[in-house]
PDB file of all heavy atoms in Angstrom:
ATOM      1  N   GLY A   1     -15.115  -3.741  15.144  1.00  0.00           N
ATOM      2  CA  GLY A   1     -15.931  -2.690  15.729  1.00  0.00           C
ATOM      3  C   GLY A   1     -15.717  -1.245  15.032  1.00  0.00           C
ATOM      4  O   GLY A   1     -16.065  -0.380  15.289  1.00  0.00           O
ATOM      5  N   LYS A   2     -14.834  -1.355  13.930  1.00  0.00           N
ATOM      6  CA  LYS A   2     -14.386  -0.095  13.200  1.00  0.00           C
ATOM      7  C   LYS A   2     -14.697  -0.338  11.652  1.00  0.00           C
ATOM      8  O   LYS A   2     -14.850  -1.354  11.274  1.00  0.00           O
ATOM      9  CB  LYS A   2     -12.942   0.078  13.429  1.00  0.00           C
ATOM     10  CG  LYS A   2     -12.452   0.351  14.850  1.00  0.00           C
ATOM     11  CD  LYS A   2     -10.988   0.722  14.891  1.00  0.00           C
ATOM     12  CE  LYS A   2     -10.555   1.095  16.340  1.00  0.00           C
ATOM     13  NZ  LYS A   2      -9.159   1.563  16.465  1.00  0.00           N
ATOM     14  N   GLN A   3     -14.721   0.942  11.118  1.00  0.00           N
ATOM     15  CA  GLN A   3     -15.012   0.965   9.648  1.00  0.00           C
ATOM     16  C   GLN A   3     -13.690   0.589   8.846  1.00  0.00           C
ATOM     17  O   GLN A   3     -12.677   0.699   9.422  1.00  0.00           O
ATOM     18  CB  GLN A   3     -15.458   2.446   9.212  1.00  0.00           C
ATOM     19  CG  GLN A   3     -16.853   2.788   9.734  1.00  0.00           C
ATOM     20  CD  GLN A   3     -17.175   4.030   9.106  1.00  0.00           C
ATOM     21  OE1 GLN A   3     -16.496   4.920   8.885  1.00  0.00           O
ATOM     22  NE2 GLN A   3     -18.643   4.146   9.015  1.00  0.00           N
ATOM     23  N   ARG A   4     -14.109  -0.024   7.690  1.00  0.00           N
ATOM     24  CA  ARG A   4     -12.872  -0.277   6.762  1.00  0.00           C
ATOM     25  C   ARG A   4     -12.239   1.011   6.378  1.00  0.00           C
ATOM     26  O   ARG A   4     -12.830   1.977   6.128  1.00  0.00           O
ATOM     27  CB  ARG A   4     -13.382  -1.113   5.689  1.00  0.00           C
ATOM     28  CG  ARG A   4     -12.348  -1.700   4.763  1.00  0.00           C
ATOM     29  CD  ARG A   4     -12.885  -2.536   3.609  1.00  0.00           C
ATOM     30  NE  ARG A   4     -13.656  -3.755   4.220  1.00  0.00           N
ATOM     31  CZ  ARG A   4     -13.986  -4.691   3.374  1.00  0.00           C
ATOM     32  NH1 ARG A   4     -13.768  -4.599   2.119  1.00  0.00           N
ATOM     33  NH2 ARG A   4     -14.793  -5.717   3.967  1.00  0.00           N
ATOM     34  N   GLU A   5     -10.840   1.004   6.358  1.00  0.00           N
ATOM     35  CA  GLU A   5     -10.164   2.108   6.126  1.00  0.00           C
ATOM     36  C   GLU A   5      -9.058   1.773   5.118  1.00  0.00           C
ATOM     37  O   GLU A   5      -8.463   0.670   4.984  1.00  0.00           O
ATOM     38  CB  GLU A   5      -9.453   2.715   7.292  1.00  0.00           C
ATOM     39  CG  GLU A   5      -8.391   1.791   8.023  1.00  0.00           C
ATOM     40  CD  GLU A   5      -7.727   2.502   9.129  1.00  0.00           C
ATOM     41  OE1 GLU A   5      -7.884   3.677   9.305  1.00  0.00           O
ATOM     42  OE2 GLU A   5      -6.816   1.761   9.820  1.00  0.00           O
ATOM     43  N   LEU A   6      -8.647   2.764   4.307  1.00  0.00           N
ATOM     44  CA  LEU A   6      -7.664   2.656   3.228  1.00  0.00           C
ATOM     45  C   LEU A   6      -6.248   2.677   3.962  1.00  0.00           C
ATOM     46  O   LEU A   6      -5.903   3.576   4.780  1.00  0.00           O
ATOM     47  CB  LEU A   6      -7.681   3.778   2.272  1.00  0.00           C
ATOM     48  CG  LEU A   6      -6.570   3.763   1.167  1.00  0.00           C
ATOM     49  CD1 LEU A   6      -6.641   2.611   0.331  1.00  0.00           C
ATOM     50  CD2 LEU A   6      -6.532   5.102   0.424  1.00  0.00           C
ATOM     51  N   VAL A   7      -5.335   1.738   3.670  1.00  0.00           N
ATOM     52  CA  VAL A   7      -4.075   1.726   4.290  1.00  0.00           C
ATOM     53  C   VAL A   7      -3.077   2.217   3.177  1.00  0.00           C
ATOM     54  O   VAL A   7      -2.191   3.133   3.595  1.00  0.00           O
ATOM     55  CB  VAL A   7      -3.750   0.211   4.497  1.00  0.00           C
ATOM     56  CG1 VAL A   7      -2.196   0.144   4.934  1.00  0.00           C
ATOM     57  CG2 VAL A   7      -4.669  -0.269   5.621  1.00  0.00           C
ATOM     58  N   ALA A   8      -3.216   1.753   1.972  1.00  0.00           N
ATOM     59  CA  ALA A   8      -2.176   2.099   0.998  1.00  0.00           C
ATOM     60  C   ALA A   8      -2.777   1.877  -0.436  1.00  0.00           C
ATOM     61  O   ALA A   8      -3.554   0.850  -0.599  1.00  0.00           O
ATOM     62  CB  ALA A   8      -0.734   1.547   1.146  1.00  0.00           C
ATOM     63  N   LEU A   9      -2.364   2.587  -1.362  1.00  0.00           N
ATOM     64  CA  LEU A   9      -2.694   2.198  -2.793  1.00  0.00           C
ATOM     65  C   LEU A   9      -1.515   2.605  -3.796  1.00  0.00           C
ATOM     66  O   LEU A   9      -0.712   3.395  -3.344  1.00  0.00           O
ATOM     67  CB  LEU A   9      -3.972   2.928  -3.192  1.00  0.00           C
ATOM     68  CG  LEU A   9      -4.040   4.590  -3.216  1.00  0.00           C
ATOM     69  CD1 LEU A   9      -3.453   5.031  -4.555  1.00  0.00           C
ATOM     70  CD2 LEU A   9      -5.512   5.030  -3.143  1.00  0.00           C
ATOM     71  N   ILE A  10      -1.591   2.031  -4.825  1.00  0.00           N
ATOM     72  CA  ILE A  10      -0.580   2.265  -6.017  1.00  0.00           C
ATOM     73  C   ILE A  10      -1.229   2.353  -7.216  1.00  0.00           C
ATOM     74  O   ILE A  10      -1.991   1.388  -7.556  1.00  0.00           O
ATOM     75  CB  ILE A  10       0.646   1.268  -5.728  1.00  0.00           C
ATOM     76  CG1 ILE A  10       1.743   1.591  -6.800  1.00  0.00           C
ATOM     77  CG2 ILE A  10       0.099  -0.177  -5.973  1.00  0.00           C
ATOM     78  CD1 ILE A  10       3.022   0.876  -6.521  1.00  0.00           C
ATOM     79  N   THR A  11      -0.855   3.262  -8.092  1.00  0.00           N
ATOM     80  CA  THR A  11      -1.382   3.267  -9.484  1.00  0.00           C
ATOM     81  C   THR A  11      -0.583   2.459 -10.434  1.00  0.00           C
ATOM     82  O   THR A  11       0.492   2.070 -10.040  1.00  0.00           O
ATOM     83  CB  THR A  11      -1.458   4.820  -9.879  1.00  0.00           C
ATOM     84  OG1 THR A  11      -0.013   5.265 -10.123  1.00  0.00           O
ATOM     85  CG2 THR A  11      -2.144   5.733  -8.902  1.00  0.00           C
ATOM     86  N   SER A  12      -0.991   2.410 -11.570  1.00  0.00           N
ATOM     87  CA  SER A  12      -0.302   1.601 -12.633  1.00  0.00           C
ATOM     88  C   SER A  12       1.033   2.234 -12.988  1.00  0.00           C
ATOM     89  O   SER A  12       1.852   1.533 -13.298  1.00  0.00           O
ATOM     90  CB  SER A  12      -1.195   1.496 -13.866  1.00  0.00           C
ATOM     91  OG  SER A  12      -1.572   2.808 -14.290  1.00  0.00           O
ATOM     92  N   GLY A  13       1.040   3.562 -12.698  1.00  0.00           N
ATOM     93  CA  GLY A  13       2.264   4.225 -12.976  1.00  0.00           C
ATOM     94  C   GLY A  13       3.259   4.336 -11.742  1.00  0.00           C
ATOM     95  O   GLY A  13       4.265   4.953 -11.782  1.00  0.00           O
ATOM     96  N   GLY A  14       2.829   3.706 -10.634  1.00  0.00           N
ATOM     97  CA  GLY A  14       3.765   3.465  -9.491  1.00  0.00           C
ATOM     98  C   GLY A  14       3.528   4.629  -8.473  1.00  0.00           C
ATOM     99  O   GLY A  14       4.346   4.714  -7.509  1.00  0.00           O
ATOM    100  N   ILE A  15       2.561   5.491  -8.597  1.00  0.00           N
ATOM    101  CA  ILE A  15       2.326   6.630  -7.688  1.00  0.00           C
ATOM    102  C   ILE A  15       1.633   5.894  -6.375  1.00  0.00           C
ATOM    103  O   ILE A  15       0.723   5.104  -6.588  1.00  0.00           O
ATOM    104  CB  ILE A  15       1.479   7.624  -8.193  1.00  0.00           C
ATOM    105  CG1 ILE A  15       2.132   8.319  -9.364  1.00  0.00           C
ATOM    106  CG2 ILE A  15       0.988   8.737  -7.154  1.00  0.00           C
ATOM    107  CD1 ILE A  15       1.257   9.365 -10.115  1.00  0.00           C
ATOM    108  N   THR A  16       2.111   6.157  -5.272  1.00  0.00           N
ATOM    109  CA  THR A  16       1.642   5.619  -4.060  1.00  0.00           C
ATOM    110  C   THR A  16       1.003   6.691  -3.144  1.00  0.00           C
ATOM    111  O   THR A  16       1.278   7.857  -3.076  1.00  0.00           O
ATOM    112  CB  THR A  16       2.812   4.910  -3.220  1.00  0.00           C
ATOM    113  OG1 THR A  16       3.747   5.861  -2.891  1.00  0.00           O
ATOM    114  CG2 THR A  16       3.340   3.741  -4.005  1.00  0.00           C
ATOM    115  N   ASN A  17       0.153   6.169  -2.252  1.00  0.00           N
ATOM    116  CA  ASN A  17      -0.491   6.955  -1.191  1.00  0.00           C
ATOM    117  C   ASN A  17      -0.649   6.049   0.132  1.00  0.00           C
ATOM    118  O   ASN A  17      -1.053   4.991  -0.001  1.00  0.00           O
ATOM    119  CB  ASN A  17      -1.803   7.508  -1.684  1.00  0.00           C
ATOM    120  CG  ASN A  17      -2.474   8.616  -0.770  1.00  0.00           C
ATOM    121  OD1 ASN A  17      -1.668   9.317  -0.202  1.00  0.00           O
ATOM    122  ND2 ASN A  17      -3.752   8.606  -0.718  1.00  0.00           N
ATOM    123  N   TYR A  18      -0.455   6.661   1.170  1.00  0.00           N
ATOM    124  CA  TYR A  18      -0.528   5.929   2.428  1.00  0.00           C
ATOM    125  C   TYR A  18      -1.404   6.691   3.641  1.00  0.00           C
ATOM    126  O   TYR A  18      -1.465   7.903   3.590  1.00  0.00           O
ATOM    127  CB  TYR A  18       0.886   5.725   3.093  1.00  0.00           C
ATOM    128  CG  TYR A  18       1.795   5.016   2.196  1.00  0.00           C
ATOM    129  CD1 TYR A  18       2.647   5.451   1.251  1.00  0.00           C
ATOM    130  CD2 TYR A  18       1.895   3.482   2.297  1.00  0.00           C
ATOM    131  CE1 TYR A  18       3.492   4.746   0.539  1.00  0.00           C
ATOM    132  CE2 TYR A  18       2.628   2.701   1.560  1.00  0.00           C
ATOM    133  CZ  TYR A  18       3.615   3.441   0.705  1.00  0.00           C
ATOM    134  OH  TYR A  18       4.363   2.679  -0.108  1.00  0.00           O
ATOM    135  N   ALA A  19      -2.075   5.919   4.253  1.00  0.00           N
ATOM    136  CA  ALA A  19      -2.701   6.407   5.511  1.00  0.00           C
ATOM    137  C   ALA A  19      -1.561   7.047   6.388  1.00  0.00           C
ATOM    138  O   ALA A  19      -0.474   6.466   6.484  1.00  0.00           O
ATOM    139  CB  ALA A  19      -3.561   5.368   6.290  1.00  0.00           C
ATOM    140  N   ASP A  20      -1.951   8.115   7.134  1.00  0.00           N
ATOM    141  CA  ASP A  20      -0.938   8.668   7.955  1.00  0.00           C
ATOM    142  C   ASP A  20      -0.453   7.687   9.032  1.00  0.00           C
ATOM    143  O   ASP A  20       0.707   7.739   9.396  1.00  0.00           O
ATOM    144  CB  ASP A  20      -1.523   9.902   8.734  1.00  0.00           C
ATOM    145  CG  ASP A  20      -1.642  11.076   7.744  1.00  0.00           C
ATOM    146  OD1 ASP A  20      -1.142  11.082   6.666  1.00  0.00           O
ATOM    147  OD2 ASP A  20      -2.550  12.060   8.003  1.00  0.00           O
ATOM    148  N   SER A  21      -1.221   6.890   9.471  1.00  0.00           N
ATOM    149  CA  SER A  21      -0.957   5.940  10.585  1.00  0.00           C
ATOM    150  C   SER A  21       0.148   4.862  10.155  1.00  0.00           C
ATOM    151  O   SER A  21       0.681   4.322  11.024  1.00  0.00           O
ATOM    152  CB  SER A  21      -2.250   5.088  10.974  1.00  0.00           C
ATOM    153  OG  SER A  21      -2.790   4.602   9.963  1.00  0.00           O
ATOM    154  N   VAL A  22       0.399   4.729   8.864  1.00  0.00           N
ATOM    155  CA  VAL A  22       1.337   3.647   8.521  1.00  0.00           C
ATOM    156  C   VAL A  22       2.505   4.283   7.641  1.00  0.00           C
ATOM    157  O   VAL A  22       3.433   3.556   7.296  1.00  0.00           O
ATOM    158  CB  VAL A  22       0.633   2.686   7.547  1.00  0.00           C
ATOM    159  CG1 VAL A  22      -0.565   2.011   8.208  1.00  0.00           C
ATOM    160  CG2 VAL A  22       0.307   3.130   6.122  1.00  0.00           C
ATOM    161  N   LYS A  23       2.454   5.556   7.440  1.00  0.00           N
ATOM    162  CA  LYS A  23       3.545   6.084   6.686  1.00  0.00           C
ATOM    163  C   LYS A  23       4.899   5.881   7.396  1.00  0.00           C
ATOM    164  O   LYS A  23       5.017   6.054   8.551  1.00  0.00           O
ATOM    165  CB  LYS A  23       3.422   7.821   6.611  1.00  0.00           C
ATOM    166  CG  LYS A  23       2.298   8.069   5.559  1.00  0.00           C
ATOM    167  CD  LYS A  23       2.177   9.504   5.431  1.00  0.00           C
ATOM    168  CE  LYS A  23       1.169  10.014   4.340  1.00  0.00           C
ATOM    169  NZ  LYS A  23       0.832  11.431   4.267  1.00  0.00           N
ATOM    170  N   GLY A  24       5.909   5.518   6.677  1.00  0.00           N
ATOM    171  CA  GLY A  24       7.248   5.212   7.249  1.00  0.00           C
ATOM    172  C   GLY A  24       7.358   3.878   7.630  1.00  0.00           C
ATOM    173  O   GLY A  24       8.553   3.487   7.921  1.00  0.00           O
ATOM    174  N   ARG A  25       6.384   3.169   7.763  1.00  0.00           N
ATOM    175  CA  ARG A  25       6.382   1.678   8.259  1.00  0.00           C
ATOM    176  C   ARG A  25       5.896   0.746   7.149  1.00  0.00           C
ATOM    177  O   ARG A  25       6.504  -0.359   7.139  1.00  0.00           O
ATOM    178  CB  ARG A  25       5.483   1.411   9.501  1.00  0.00           C
ATOM    179  CG  ARG A  25       5.744   2.500  10.645  1.00  0.00           C
ATOM    180  CD  ARG A  25       4.995   2.102  11.921  1.00  0.00           C
ATOM    181  NE  ARG A  25       3.547   2.319  11.772  1.00  0.00           N
ATOM    182  CZ  ARG A  25       2.667   1.330  11.800  1.00  0.00           C
ATOM    183  NH1 ARG A  25       3.028   0.105  12.237  1.00  0.00           N
ATOM    184  NH2 ARG A  25       1.405   1.585  11.700  1.00  0.00           N
ATOM    185  N   PHE A  26       4.963   1.057   6.455  1.00  0.00           N
ATOM    186  CA  PHE A  26       4.497   0.176   5.267  1.00  0.00           C
ATOM    187  C   PHE A  26       4.901   0.544   3.855  1.00  0.00           C
ATOM    188  O   PHE A  26       5.097   1.845   3.753  1.00  0.00           O
ATOM    189  CB  PHE A  26       2.885   0.118   5.459  1.00  0.00           C
ATOM    190  CG  PHE A  26       2.236  -0.467   6.563  1.00  0.00           C
ATOM    191  CD1 PHE A  26       3.043  -0.820   7.727  1.00  0.00           C
ATOM    192  CD2 PHE A  26       0.997  -0.858   6.650  1.00  0.00           C
ATOM    193  CE1 PHE A  26       2.466  -1.453   8.821  1.00  0.00           C
ATOM    194  CE2 PHE A  26       0.294  -1.405   7.609  1.00  0.00           C
ATOM    195  CZ  PHE A  26       1.126  -1.709   8.781  1.00  0.00           C
ATOM    196  N   THR A  27       5.129  -0.334   3.096  1.00  0.00           N
ATOM    197  CA  THR A  27       5.497   0.024   1.764  1.00  0.00           C
ATOM    198  C   THR A  27       4.644  -0.834   0.806  1.00  0.00           C
ATOM    199  O   THR A  27       4.597  -1.974   0.909  1.00  0.00           O
ATOM    200  CB  THR A  27       6.935  -0.221   1.437  1.00  0.00           C
ATOM    201  OG1 THR A  27       7.767   0.574   2.465  1.00  0.00           O
ATOM    202  CG2 THR A  27       7.308   0.061   0.046  1.00  0.00           C
ATOM    203  N   ILE A  28       3.933  -0.103  -0.196  1.00  0.00           N
ATOM    204  CA  ILE A  28       3.162  -0.889  -1.049  1.00  0.00           C
ATOM    205  C   ILE A  28       3.990  -0.865  -2.564  1.00  0.00           C
ATOM    206  O   ILE A  28       4.659   0.108  -2.875  1.00  0.00           O
ATOM    207  CB  ILE A  28       1.779  -0.265  -1.377  1.00  0.00           C
ATOM    208  CG1 ILE A  28       0.893  -1.086  -2.372  1.00  0.00           C
ATOM    209  CG2 ILE A  28       1.831   1.178  -1.912  1.00  0.00           C
ATOM    210  CD1 ILE A  28      -0.504  -0.747  -2.300  1.00  0.00           C
ATOM    211  N   SER A  29       3.846  -2.073  -3.221  1.00  0.00           N
ATOM    212  CA  SER A  29       4.508  -2.250  -4.402  1.00  0.00           C
ATOM    213  C   SER A  29       3.734  -3.127  -5.250  1.00  0.00           C
ATOM    214  O   SER A  29       2.771  -3.758  -4.910  1.00  0.00           O
ATOM    215  CB  SER A  29       5.998  -2.709  -4.314  1.00  0.00           C
ATOM    216  OG  SER A  29       5.954  -4.066  -3.710  1.00  0.00           O
ATOM    217  N   ARG A  30       3.984  -3.118  -6.651  1.00  0.00           N
ATOM    218  CA  ARG A  30       3.293  -4.035  -7.494  1.00  0.00           C
ATOM    219  C   ARG A  30       4.225  -4.455  -8.552  1.00  0.00           C
ATOM    220  O   ARG A  30       5.126  -3.877  -9.015  1.00  0.00           O
ATOM    221  CB  ARG A  30       2.066  -3.331  -8.170  1.00  0.00           C
ATOM    222  CG  ARG A  30       2.278  -2.131  -8.961  1.00  0.00           C
ATOM    223  CD  ARG A  30       1.018  -1.385  -9.298  1.00  0.00           C
ATOM    224  NE  ARG A  30       0.295  -2.010 -10.359  1.00  0.00           N
ATOM    225  CZ  ARG A  30      -0.960  -1.745 -10.717  1.00  0.00           C
ATOM    226  NH1 ARG A  30      -1.511  -0.472 -10.163  1.00  0.00           N
ATOM    227  NH2 ARG A  30      -1.661  -2.276 -11.654  1.00  0.00           N
ATOM    228  N   ASP A  31       3.713  -5.673  -9.089  1.00  0.00           N
ATOM    229  CA  ASP A  31       4.587  -6.282 -10.209  1.00  0.00           C
ATOM    230  C   ASP A  31       3.501  -6.392 -11.335  1.00  0.00           C
ATOM    231  O   ASP A  31       2.578  -7.303 -11.204  1.00  0.00           O
ATOM    232  CB  ASP A  31       5.175  -7.659  -9.837  1.00  0.00           C
ATOM    233  CG  ASP A  31       5.836  -8.289 -10.988  1.00  0.00           C
ATOM    234  OD1 ASP A  31       5.590  -7.954 -12.203  1.00  0.00           O
ATOM    235  OD2 ASP A  31       6.745  -9.023 -10.700  1.00  0.00           O
ATOM    236  N   ASN A  32       3.429  -5.457 -12.230  1.00  0.00           N
ATOM    237  CA  ASN A  32       2.369  -5.378 -13.274  1.00  0.00           C
ATOM    238  C   ASN A  32       2.455  -6.624 -14.144  1.00  0.00           C
ATOM    239  O   ASN A  32       1.316  -7.075 -14.666  1.00  0.00           O
ATOM    240  CB  ASN A  32       2.604  -4.169 -14.173  1.00  0.00           C
ATOM    241  CG  ASN A  32       2.267  -2.962 -13.345  1.00  0.00           C
ATOM    242  OD1 ASN A  32       1.413  -2.892 -12.563  1.00  0.00           O
ATOM    243  ND2 ASN A  32       2.865  -1.767 -13.640  1.00  0.00           N
ATOM    244  N   ALA A  33       3.600  -7.220 -14.362  1.00  0.00           N
ATOM    245  CA  ALA A  33       3.643  -8.320 -15.299  1.00  0.00           C
ATOM    246  C   ALA A  33       3.065  -9.596 -14.638  1.00  0.00           C
ATOM    247  O   ALA A  33       2.517 -10.477 -15.222  1.00  0.00           O
ATOM    248  CB  ALA A  33       5.135  -8.653 -15.553  1.00  0.00           C
ATOM    249  N   LYS A  34       3.057  -9.562 -13.247  1.00  0.00           N
ATOM    250  CA  LYS A  34       2.390 -10.648 -12.573  1.00  0.00           C
ATOM    251  C   LYS A  34       1.234 -10.223 -11.896  1.00  0.00           C
ATOM    252  O   LYS A  34       0.456 -11.206 -11.301  1.00  0.00           O
ATOM    253  CB  LYS A  34       3.327 -11.172 -11.355  1.00  0.00           C
ATOM    254  CG  LYS A  34       4.691 -11.818 -11.774  1.00  0.00           C
ATOM    255  CD  LYS A  34       5.549 -12.115 -10.544  1.00  0.00           C
ATOM    256  CE  LYS A  34       6.825 -12.730 -11.079  1.00  0.00           C
ATOM    257  NZ  LYS A  34       7.638 -13.192  -9.899  1.00  0.00           N
ATOM    258  N   ASN A  35       0.568  -9.207 -12.174  1.00  0.00           N
ATOM    259  CA  ASN A  35      -0.611  -8.669 -11.676  1.00  0.00           C
ATOM    260  C   ASN A  35      -0.802  -9.000 -10.171  1.00  0.00           C
ATOM    261  O   ASN A  35      -1.758  -9.430  -9.606  1.00  0.00           O
ATOM    262  CB  ASN A  35      -1.805  -9.389 -12.442  1.00  0.00           C
ATOM    263  CG  ASN A  35      -1.900  -8.987 -13.821  1.00  0.00           C
ATOM    264  OD1 ASN A  35      -2.040  -7.799 -14.341  1.00  0.00           O
ATOM    265  ND2 ASN A  35      -1.919 -10.027 -14.736  1.00  0.00           N
ATOM    266  N   THR A  36       0.225  -8.592  -9.498  1.00  0.00           N
ATOM    267  CA  THR A  36       0.445  -8.804  -8.049  1.00  0.00           C
ATOM    268  C   THR A  36       0.882  -7.499  -7.352  1.00  0.00           C
ATOM    269  O   THR A  36       1.675  -6.774  -7.808  1.00  0.00           O
ATOM    270  CB  THR A  36       1.419  -9.987  -7.802  1.00  0.00           C
ATOM    271  OG1 THR A  36       0.981 -11.163  -8.542  1.00  0.00           O
ATOM    272  CG2 THR A  36       1.509 -10.152  -6.232  1.00  0.00           C
ATOM    273  N   ALA A  37       0.146  -7.420  -6.196  1.00  0.00           N
ATOM    274  CA  ALA A  37       0.551  -6.279  -5.368  1.00  0.00           C
ATOM    275  C   ALA A  37       1.054  -6.715  -3.972  1.00  0.00           C
ATOM    276  O   ALA A  37       0.638  -7.781  -3.593  1.00  0.00           O
ATOM    277  CB  ALA A  37      -0.563  -5.272  -5.145  1.00  0.00           C
ATOM    278  N   TYR A  38       1.909  -5.983  -3.335  1.00  0.00           N
ATOM    279  CA  TYR A  38       2.581  -6.368  -2.116  1.00  0.00           C
ATOM    280  C   TYR A  38       2.413  -5.249  -1.050  1.00  0.00           C
ATOM    281  O   TYR A  38       2.334  -4.162  -1.523  1.00  0.00           O
ATOM    282  CB  TYR A  38       4.048  -6.662  -2.259  1.00  0.00           C
ATOM    283  CG  TYR A  38       4.324  -7.757  -3.360  1.00  0.00           C
ATOM    284  CD1 TYR A  38       4.513  -7.190  -4.696  1.00  0.00           C
ATOM    285  CD2 TYR A  38       4.240  -9.106  -3.116  1.00  0.00           C
ATOM    286  CE1 TYR A  38       4.796  -8.200  -5.741  1.00  0.00           C
ATOM    287  CE2 TYR A  38       4.541  -9.944  -4.218  1.00  0.00           C
ATOM    288  CZ  TYR A  38       4.834  -9.566  -5.371  1.00  0.00           C
ATOM    289  OH  TYR A  38       4.960 -10.500  -6.453  1.00  0.00           O
ATOM    290  N   LEU A  39       2.358  -5.710   0.166  1.00  0.00           N
ATOM    291  CA  LEU A  39       2.344  -4.674   1.260  1.00  0.00           C
ATOM    292  C   LEU A  39       3.354  -5.182   2.237  1.00  0.00           C
ATOM    293  O   LEU A  39       3.127  -6.223   2.858  1.00  0.00           O
ATOM    294  CB  LEU A  39       0.965  -4.517   1.902  1.00  0.00           C
ATOM    295  CG  LEU A  39       0.835  -3.498   2.909  1.00  0.00           C
ATOM    296  CD1 LEU A  39       1.041  -2.094   2.236  1.00  0.00           C
ATOM    297  CD2 LEU A  39      -0.431  -3.541   3.692  1.00  0.00           C
ATOM    298  N   GLN A  40       4.458  -4.522   2.277  1.00  0.00           N
ATOM    299  CA  GLN A  40       5.467  -4.762   3.250  1.00  0.00           C
ATOM    300  C   GLN A  40       5.239  -4.011   4.608  1.00  0.00           C
ATOM    301  O   GLN A  40       5.120  -2.793   4.465  1.00  0.00           O
ATOM    302  CB  GLN A  40       6.980  -4.473   2.735  1.00  0.00           C
ATOM    303  CG  GLN A  40       7.998  -4.606   3.756  1.00  0.00           C
ATOM    304  CD  GLN A  40       8.243  -6.123   4.047  1.00  0.00           C
ATOM    305  OE1 GLN A  40       8.180  -6.994   3.193  1.00  0.00           O
ATOM    306  NE2 GLN A  40       8.450  -6.397   5.273  1.00  0.00           N
ATOM    307  N   MET A  41       5.005  -4.679   5.607  1.00  0.00           N
ATOM    308  CA  MET A  41       4.597  -3.956   6.921  1.00  0.00           C
ATOM    309  C   MET A  41       5.728  -4.232   7.999  1.00  0.00           C
ATOM    310  O   MET A  41       6.062  -5.292   8.292  1.00  0.00           O
ATOM    311  CB  MET A  41       3.365  -4.615   7.342  1.00  0.00           C
ATOM    312  CG  MET A  41       2.189  -4.468   6.444  1.00  0.00           C
ATOM    313  SD  MET A  41       0.600  -5.096   7.048  1.00  0.00           S
ATOM    314  CE  MET A  41       0.949  -6.769   7.440  1.00  0.00           C
ATOM    315  N   ASN A  42       6.384  -3.122   8.356  1.00  0.00           N
ATOM    316  CA  ASN A  42       7.465  -3.149   9.288  1.00  0.00           C
ATOM    317  C   ASN A  42       7.052  -2.439  10.552  1.00  0.00           C
ATOM    318  O   ASN A  42       6.003  -1.620  10.548  1.00  0.00           O
ATOM    319  CB  ASN A  42       8.655  -2.548   8.784  1.00  0.00           C
ATOM    320  CG  ASN A  42       9.159  -3.217   7.587  1.00  0.00           C
ATOM    321  OD1 ASN A  42       9.143  -4.517   7.423  1.00  0.00           O
ATOM    322  ND2 ASN A  42       9.788  -2.578   6.638  1.00  0.00           N
ATOM    323  N   SER A  43       7.684  -2.645  11.657  1.00  0.00           N
ATOM    324  CA  SER A  43       7.558  -2.021  12.921  1.00  0.00           C
ATOM    325  C   SER A  43       5.954  -2.092  13.455  1.00  0.00           C
ATOM    326  O   SER A  43       5.398  -1.092  13.653  1.00  0.00           O
ATOM    327  CB  SER A  43       7.846  -0.533  12.834  1.00  0.00           C
ATOM    328  OG  SER A  43       9.312  -0.444  12.584  1.00  0.00           O
TER     329      SER A  43
END
């Protein structure tokens, strides 16, 4: 029942941005060699 929202993003240079609702709880990372991104979600 809700619109899709951005949670987190990471640039190729490692710059990150987070939605206010997840700041301090979620961490985005990426492994460029593996073309893989991760989202660690705590709390």
